[in-house]
Amino acid sequence: MKTPSPRYALTPFILIIALTTACSKSEPPKAQSTTTRPTLSVTVIEPELRTLPQILSANGSIMAWQEAIIGAEVSGLRLASVNAQVGDKVRKGQVLALFADDSVQAEVAQSRALLAEAQAAHADASLNADRARKISSSIALSAQQVGQYLTSEKTAEARVASAKAALDAQLVRLHHTKVLASDDGVISSRSATLGAVAAPGQELFRLIRQNRLEWRGEVTASEMSQLKTELAVSVTVPDVGTAIGKIRALAPSLDFQSRNGLVYVDLAHAAEQGFRAGMFARGEFELSSSNALTVPQEALSLREGFSYVFRLSEQNGDLAKVNQIKVQLGRRQDNRIEIISGINSGDRLVASGAAFLADGDSVKVVAP
């Protein structure tokens, strides 16, 4: 068998290469896009210089300004009626409860009778003493008898005073059968039970005096040195509201364990706004004010625990590139946030939508 010539063996490969080359030459080249599509349409803002207050924040609790304990002042008597409940607003002198006073009324009547008897004896002794004084110079009565009459008068006078004191004591006891409010305020607790026999000094009611509340904030030693009385404080209870108060007093000493001290802030009308004793609250002290470079909240993007803004650069017509700039935040007022470092006053920033951008993206600038 004859071996084919090399010229004929390579012919198929040559044909394939020739056909491939011809086909590639016959296809027109694809047009390459030279236009970059913007990632987002944005509006542009510049940082704004504003005067912001220097704020010191602290946490604490809402407490009663003062509480008054109203207790029983008589013993051995039964509570006949209870007229006040927790939450009732009461006035000074209002009757909160009554003790059964039948036995006290009887003792008052007895004391009145004893006083009348003592007064009658005193009248008789006074007449005898007057007669003895008139004839003391004569020999009708001896000096001893005159002395006895005068002594009887003084003894009768002392018995009258004793009977009056006994009557006054019973009248005071009768007065104490009425449990009265010691001041205007709101009943915060009630332990009085109908029919119970209370012991002297036993607590029956607890009263928030004048329905007046205060906030007791906890601050460090360095923070307390910046505060003074009469300084305005904004106290906020979440989901309840905000009340404006003034510092009434600063604690004279600090806690030995936490090294923190208490600030007493008077909240005059907080109870009318829904504040209650025991609520947790956050307070802000306005110390001073200064100028600050601020941007709106919407211009910030929070990523991995850091805050960023996007600054425009390389603008061509309405298209521009943005650079991601890390910034340090400071004070806050409403929707404005202070920028401590990272940008300057003349920088052009993306107003909103920063969360959808990345460093180097192209954006379309539109009018606000």
Protein backbone atom coordinates (compact mmCIF):
# COMPACT_ATOMS: atom_id res chain seq x y z
CA MET A 1 0.00 0.00 0.00
CA LYS A 2 1.31 3.46 -0.98
CA THR A 3 1.71 6.25 1.62
CA PRO A 4 -0.18 9.44 0.63
CA SER A 5 1.79 12.49 -0.26
CA PRO A 6 2.19 15.13 2.53
CA ARG A 7 0.72 17.76 0.25
CA TYR A 8 -2.59 15.92 0.13
CA ALA A 9 -2.60 15.05 3.91
CA LEU A 10 -2.49 18.72 5.06
CA THR A 11 -5.09 20.00 2.64
CA PRO A 12 -8.17 19.59 5.02
CA PHE A 13 -6.52 21.59 7.83
CA ILE A 14 -5.57 24.36 5.47
CA LEU A 15 -9.15 24.58 4.24
CA ILE A 16 -10.58 24.83 7.79
CA ILE A 17 -8.20 27.67 8.74
CA ALA A 18 -9.00 29.51 5.51
CA LEU A 19 -12.73 29.22 6.05
CA THR A 20 -12.46 30.42 9.72
CA THR A 21 -10.42 33.43 8.67
CA ALA A 22 -12.88 34.33 5.94
CA CYS A 23 -15.85 34.11 8.26
CA SER A 24 -14.19 36.31 10.88
CA LYS A 25 -13.37 38.93 8.30
CA SER A 26 -16.92 38.94 6.98
CA GLU A 27 -18.48 39.75 10.53
CA PRO A 28 -18.60 43.51 11.29
CA PRO A 29 -16.94 44.57 14.60
CA LYS A 30 -19.24 45.15 17.61
CA ALA A 31 -19.66 48.76 18.77
CA GLN A 32 -18.30 49.37 22.31
CA SER A 33 -20.35 51.51 24.73
CA THR A 34 -18.58 54.65 25.87
CA THR A 35 -21.40 55.92 28.17
CA THR A 36 -21.50 54.94 31.92
CA ARG A 37 -24.98 54.57 33.34
CA PRO A 38 -25.50 56.44 36.67
CA THR A 39 -26.24 54.34 39.74
CA LEU A 40 -28.70 56.82 41.24
CA SER A 41 -30.26 60.22 40.68
CA VAL A 42 -29.38 62.47 43.61
CA THR A 43 -29.75 66.01 44.89
CA VAL A 44 -26.78 67.89 46.29
CA ILE A 45 -26.40 69.77 49.58
CA GLU A 46 -23.61 71.57 51.38
CA PRO A 47 -22.85 71.33 55.10
CA GLU A 48 -24.61 74.05 57.05
CA LEU A 49 -23.15 76.03 59.95
CA ARG A 50 -25.54 76.12 62.91
CA THR A 51 -25.43 77.11 66.56
CA LEU A 52 -25.92 73.96 68.63
CA PRO A 53 -26.23 73.65 72.40
CA GLN A 54 -23.66 71.76 74.46
CA ILE A 55 -25.74 68.95 75.96
CA LEU A 56 -24.94 66.78 78.98
CA SER A 57 -27.11 63.66 79.26
CA ALA A 58 -27.88 61.51 82.29
CA ASN A 59 -30.28 58.77 83.36
CA GLY A 60 -32.44 58.61 86.45
CA SER A 61 -35.88 58.02 87.90
CA ILE A 62 -39.00 60.06 88.48
CA MET A 63 -39.70 60.32 92.21
CA ALA A 64 -42.14 62.09 94.50
CA TRP A 65 -40.86 65.47 95.67
CA GLN A 66 -41.99 64.68 99.22
CA GLU A 67 -44.25 61.99 100.67
CA ALA A 68 -46.38 62.47 103.78
CA ILE A 69 -47.40 59.52 105.95
CA ILE A 70 -50.84 59.87 107.51
CA GLY A 71 -51.28 57.54 110.47
CA ALA A 72 -53.60 56.76 113.36
CA GLU A 73 -53.28 58.99 116.43
CA VAL A 74 -55.74 57.14 118.68
CA SER A 75 -55.79 53.60 119.98
CA GLY A 76 -58.48 51.09 120.71
CA LEU A 77 -60.94 52.50 118.16
CA ARG A 78 -62.43 50.80 115.13
CA LEU A 79 -62.25 52.32 111.62
CA ALA A 80 -65.86 53.16 110.80
CA SER A 81 -65.34 54.53 107.29
CA VAL A 82 -62.58 54.96 104.68
CA ASN A 83 -63.24 57.87 102.34
CA ALA A 84 -60.10 58.00 100.15
CA GLN A 85 -58.57 55.56 97.69
CA VAL A 86 -55.25 55.35 95.86
CA GLY A 87 -55.03 57.99 93.15
CA ASP A 88 -57.54 60.38 94.73
CA LYS A 89 -56.63 64.05 94.75
CA VAL A 90 -57.24 65.49 98.21
CA ARG A 91 -57.12 68.90 99.84
CA LYS A 92 -55.50 69.86 103.12
CA GLY A 93 -57.88 69.10 106.00
CA GLN A 94 -60.07 66.74 103.98
CA VAL A 95 -61.46 63.78 105.97
CA LEU A 96 -59.83 60.58 104.69
CA ALA A 97 -61.20 58.15 107.30
CA LEU A 98 -63.30 58.08 110.47
CA PHE A 99 -62.91 56.08 113.67
CA ALA A 100 -65.96 55.07 115.70
CA ASP A 101 -66.23 57.79 118.37
CA ASP A 102 -69.03 56.52 120.64
CA SER A 103 -66.72 55.73 123.56
CA VAL A 104 -64.81 58.97 123.12
CA GLN A 105 -68.04 60.99 123.15
CA ALA A 106 -69.00 59.32 126.46
CA GLU A 107 -65.60 60.14 127.95
CA VAL A 108 -65.95 63.75 126.81
CA ALA A 109 -69.34 63.98 128.56
CA GLN A 110 -67.87 62.51 131.73
CA SER A 111 -64.99 64.99 131.65
CA ARG A 112 -67.43 67.86 131.24
CA ALA A 113 -69.36 66.68 134.34
CA LEU A 114 -66.17 66.41 136.39
CA LEU A 115 -65.21 69.92 135.33
CA ALA A 116 -68.61 71.27 136.37
CA GLU A 117 -68.27 69.56 139.75
CA ALA A 118 -64.79 71.01 140.25
CA GLN A 119 -66.00 74.46 139.30
CA ALA A 120 -68.84 74.26 141.84
CA ALA A 121 -66.44 73.18 144.61
CA HIS A 122 -64.13 75.99 143.63
CA ALA A 123 -66.96 78.54 143.86
CA ASP A 124 -67.86 77.34 147.35
CA ALA A 125 -64.23 77.39 148.48
CA SER A 126 -63.80 80.90 147.08
CA LEU A 127 -66.78 82.20 149.12
CA ASN A 128 -65.43 80.67 152.31
CA ALA A 129 -61.99 82.08 151.61
CA ASP A 130 -63.44 85.56 151.01
CA ARG A 131 -65.30 85.46 154.36
CA ALA A 132 -62.20 84.29 156.14
CA ARG A 133 -60.20 87.18 154.67
CA LYS A 134 -62.80 89.73 155.89
CA ILE A 135 -62.78 88.55 159.51
CA SER A 136 -59.16 87.54 159.71
CA SER A 137 -58.39 90.67 161.72
CA SER A 138 -60.96 89.77 164.39
CA ILE A 139 -60.85 87.00 166.92
CA ALA A 140 -63.85 85.14 165.43
CA LEU A 141 -61.59 82.74 163.53
CA SER A 142 -58.19 81.54 164.43
CA ALA A 143 -55.27 81.94 162.06
CA GLN A 144 -55.29 78.20 161.52
CA GLN A 145 -58.92 78.20 160.37
CA VAL A 146 -58.31 81.14 158.02
CA GLY A 147 -55.37 79.25 156.51
CA GLN A 148 -57.52 76.17 155.98
CA TYR A 149 -60.13 78.18 154.03
CA LEU A 150 -57.49 79.78 151.84
CA THR A 151 -55.88 76.41 151.20
CA SER A 152 -59.23 74.87 150.28
CA GLU A 153 -59.72 77.62 147.70
CA LYS A 154 -56.39 76.90 146.05
CA THR A 155 -57.07 73.16 146.10
CA ALA A 156 -60.43 73.68 144.42
CA GLU A 157 -58.79 75.92 141.82
CA ALA A 158 -56.22 73.21 141.04
CA ARG A 159 -58.99 70.61 140.65
CA VAL A 160 -60.74 72.88 138.15
CA ALA A 161 -57.53 73.17 136.11
CA SER A 162 -57.06 69.39 136.23
CA ALA A 163 -60.64 68.79 135.07
CA LYS A 164 -60.17 71.25 132.22
CA ALA A 165 -56.98 69.46 131.12
CA ALA A 166 -58.78 66.10 131.20
CA LEU A 167 -61.61 67.53 129.09
CA ASP A 168 -59.11 69.00 126.61
CA ALA A 169 -57.39 65.63 126.28
CA GLN A 170 -60.68 63.93 125.50
CA LEU A 171 -61.56 66.63 122.96
CA VAL A 172 -58.20 66.12 121.25
CA ARG A 173 -58.86 62.38 121.18
CA LEU A 174 -62.28 63.08 119.68
CA HIS A 175 -60.65 65.28 117.05
CA HIS A 176 -58.23 62.49 116.14
CA THR A 177 -61.10 60.15 115.35
CA LYS A 178 -61.12 62.04 112.01
CA VAL A 179 -58.11 61.20 109.85
CA LEU A 180 -57.33 64.40 107.93
CA ALA A 181 -55.09 65.10 104.94
CA SER A 182 -52.00 66.97 106.10
CA ASP A 183 -51.49 68.73 102.74
CA ASP A 184 -52.82 68.98 99.20
CA GLY A 185 -51.76 66.06 97.05
CA VAL A 186 -52.52 62.62 95.68
CA ILE A 187 -52.98 59.42 97.70
CA SER A 188 -50.15 57.09 96.62
CA SER A 189 -50.92 54.16 98.95
CA ARG A 190 -53.66 53.07 101.37
CA SER A 191 -53.33 50.56 104.18
CA ALA A 192 -56.47 51.58 106.09
CA THR A 193 -58.98 48.70 106.29
CA LEU A 194 -62.60 49.17 107.22
CA GLY A 195 -63.34 47.68 110.65
CA ALA A 196 -59.70 47.38 111.70
CA VAL A 197 -58.51 48.62 115.09
CA ALA A 198 -55.40 50.66 114.39
CA ALA A 199 -52.49 51.11 116.78
CA PRO A 200 -51.13 54.60 117.48
CA GLY A 201 -48.72 55.65 114.73
CA GLN A 202 -49.84 52.95 112.31
CA GLU A 203 -49.68 54.13 108.68
CA LEU A 204 -53.09 54.50 107.06
CA PHE A 205 -52.34 56.56 103.94
CA ARG A 206 -49.33 57.84 102.04
CA LEU A 207 -49.63 61.17 100.25
CA ILE A 208 -47.54 62.74 97.45
CA ARG A 209 -47.43 66.31 98.66
CA GLN A 210 -48.90 68.82 96.20
CA ASN A 211 -48.74 66.10 93.54
CA ARG A 212 -45.24 67.39 92.85
CA LEU A 213 -42.64 65.20 91.17
CA GLU A 214 -38.91 65.46 90.66
CA TRP A 215 -36.29 63.72 88.55
CA ARG A 216 -33.21 62.35 90.28
CA GLY A 217 -30.45 62.04 87.70
CA GLU A 218 -27.18 60.24 88.28
CA VAL A 219 -24.02 62.02 87.09
CA THR A 220 -20.28 61.61 87.56
CA ALA A 221 -18.13 63.89 89.68
CA SER A 222 -16.73 65.74 86.64
CA GLU A 223 -20.22 66.23 85.20
CA MET A 224 -21.58 67.52 88.50
CA SER A 225 -18.90 70.20 88.58
CA GLN A 226 -20.43 71.64 85.37
CA LEU A 227 -23.93 71.91 86.85
CA LYS A 228 -25.53 74.52 89.08
CA THR A 229 -28.95 75.15 90.59
CA GLU A 230 -31.70 76.75 88.48
CA LEU A 231 -30.19 75.25 85.30
CA ALA A 232 -32.90 74.18 82.83
CA VAL A 233 -33.25 70.43 82.21
CA SER A 234 -35.26 68.53 79.60
CA VAL A 235 -36.52 65.24 81.05
CA THR A 236 -37.93 62.61 78.68
CA VAL A 237 -39.81 59.41 79.50
CA PRO A 238 -40.03 57.08 76.48
CA ASP A 239 -43.54 56.83 75.00
CA VAL A 240 -44.85 59.35 77.58
CA GLY A 241 -43.45 62.78 76.85
CA THR A 242 -40.94 65.47 77.76
CA ALA A 243 -41.07 67.88 80.68
CA ILE A 244 -38.93 70.94 81.33
CA GLY A 245 -37.62 71.41 84.85
CA LYS A 246 -34.93 73.18 86.84
CA ILE A 247 -32.19 71.85 89.08
CA ARG A 248 -33.41 72.23 92.67
CA ALA A 249 -30.35 70.87 94.42
CA LEU A 250 -27.11 68.94 93.91
CA ALA A 251 -26.25 66.07 96.23
CA PRO A 252 -23.68 67.14 98.84
CA SER A 253 -21.88 63.77 98.58
CA LEU A 254 -21.27 60.98 96.08
CA ASP A 255 -22.01 57.28 96.35
CA PHE A 256 -18.93 55.49 97.70
CA GLN A 257 -19.37 52.52 95.36
CA SER A 258 -20.39 54.07 92.04
CA ARG A 259 -18.70 57.45 92.67
CA ASN A 260 -21.77 59.10 91.15
CA GLY A 261 -23.96 61.79 92.62
CA LEU A 262 -27.63 62.74 92.36
CA VAL A 263 -29.08 65.84 90.75
CA TYR A 264 -32.55 66.83 91.98
CA VAL A 265 -34.64 68.41 89.23
CA ASP A 266 -38.00 69.94 90.10
CA LEU A 267 -40.77 69.01 87.63
CA ALA A 268 -43.62 71.32 88.55
CA HIS A 269 -46.32 70.12 86.12
CA ALA A 270 -44.99 66.70 85.11
CA ALA A 271 -47.90 64.83 86.72
CA GLU A 272 -50.31 66.62 84.37
CA GLN A 273 -48.30 65.27 81.40
CA GLY A 274 -48.68 61.65 82.50
CA PHE A 275 -45.45 61.28 84.48
CA ARG A 276 -45.59 58.90 87.44
CA ALA A 277 -43.23 58.22 90.33
CA GLY A 278 -40.95 55.27 89.55
CA MET A 279 -40.66 55.90 85.80
CA PHE A 280 -37.23 55.73 84.16
CA ALA A 281 -36.29 58.98 82.43
CA ARG A 282 -33.41 60.53 80.53
CA GLY A 283 -32.41 64.12 81.20
CA GLU A 284 -30.46 66.61 79.11
CA PHE A 285 -28.70 69.63 80.60
CA GLU A 286 -28.02 72.55 78.23
CA LEU A 287 -24.65 73.86 79.36
CA SER A 288 -23.65 76.28 76.56
CA SER A 289 -23.79 76.66 72.75
CA SER A 290 -21.30 76.91 69.88
CA ASN A 291 -21.18 76.86 66.06
CA ALA A 292 -21.02 73.49 64.35
CA LEU A 293 -20.95 72.08 60.80
CA THR A 294 -24.13 70.01 60.35
CA VAL A 295 -25.76 67.75 57.76
CA PRO A 296 -29.23 66.18 57.72
CA GLN A 297 -29.70 62.64 58.98
CA GLU A 298 -30.56 61.40 55.46
CA ALA A 299 -27.09 62.29 54.14
CA LEU A 300 -25.39 59.75 56.43
CA SER A 301 -24.79 56.06 55.84
CA LEU A 302 -23.95 53.72 58.70
CA ARG A 303 -21.70 50.82 57.71
CA GLU A 304 -19.81 48.43 59.99
CA GLY A 305 -20.28 50.74 62.95
CA PHE A 306 -18.93 53.86 61.20
CA SER A 307 -20.69 56.83 59.61
CA TYR A 308 -20.05 57.95 56.03
CA VAL A 309 -21.14 60.64 53.59
CA PHE A 310 -20.69 60.71 49.81
CA ARG A 311 -18.90 63.72 48.33
CA LEU A 312 -19.21 64.64 44.63
CA SER A 313 -16.13 64.85 42.42
CA GLU A 314 -15.28 64.85 38.68
CA GLN A 315 -18.64 66.29 37.63
CA ASN A 316 -19.28 66.43 33.89
CA GLY A 317 -22.62 68.03 33.09
CA ASP A 318 -25.23 66.34 35.25
CA LEU A 319 -23.05 63.25 35.80
CA ALA A 320 -20.58 62.99 38.65
CA LYS A 321 -18.61 60.48 40.64
CA VAL A 322 -18.93 60.14 44.41
CA ASN A 323 -16.31 59.36 47.00
CA GLN A 324 -17.16 57.70 50.29
CA ILE A 325 -15.90 59.84 53.21
CA LYS A 326 -15.71 58.60 56.79
CA VAL A 327 -16.93 61.24 59.26
CA GLN A 328 -17.01 61.66 63.03
CA LEU A 329 -20.35 62.66 64.49
CA GLY A 330 -21.02 65.05 67.36
CA ARG A 331 -24.12 66.74 68.71
CA ARG A 332 -27.64 66.29 67.39
CA GLN A 333 -30.50 68.76 67.12
CA ASP A 334 -33.77 67.66 65.55
CA ASN A 335 -32.77 66.21 62.15
CA ARG A 336 -29.35 67.90 62.00
CA ILE A 337 -26.15 66.15 63.11
CA GLU A 338 -22.82 67.78 63.81
CA ILE A 339 -19.84 66.61 61.75
CA ILE A 340 -16.66 66.95 63.79
CA SER A 341 -14.19 65.79 61.13
CA GLY A 342 -14.07 64.44 57.58
CA ILE A 343 -15.63 67.23 55.48
CA ASN A 344 -15.38 70.97 54.98
CA SER A 345 -18.00 73.69 54.71
CA GLY A 346 -17.84 73.96 50.90
CA ASP A 347 -18.10 70.24 50.07
CA ARG A 348 -20.96 69.07 47.87
CA LEU A 349 -22.64 66.01 49.37
CA VAL A 350 -25.33 63.57 48.31
CA ALA A 351 -28.49 64.68 50.14
CA SER A 352 -30.14 61.26 50.49
CA GLY A 353 -29.89 57.67 49.35
CA ALA A 354 -26.34 57.20 50.64
CA ALA A 355 -27.15 53.64 51.67
CA PHE A 356 -27.50 52.64 48.00
CA LEU A 357 -24.12 54.03 46.88
CA ALA A 358 -20.58 52.72 46.90
CA ASP A 359 -17.24 54.47 46.65
CA GLY A 360 -16.59 55.56 43.02
CA ASP A 361 -20.18 55.19 41.78
CA SER A 362 -21.53 57.52 39.12
CA VAL A 363 -24.64 59.53 39.92
CA LYS A 364 -26.94 61.87 38.08
CA VAL A 365 -27.35 65.26 39.75
CA VAL A 366 -30.90 66.59 39.66
CA ALA A 367 -32.41 69.78 40.99
CA PRO A 368 -33.94 69.51 44.47
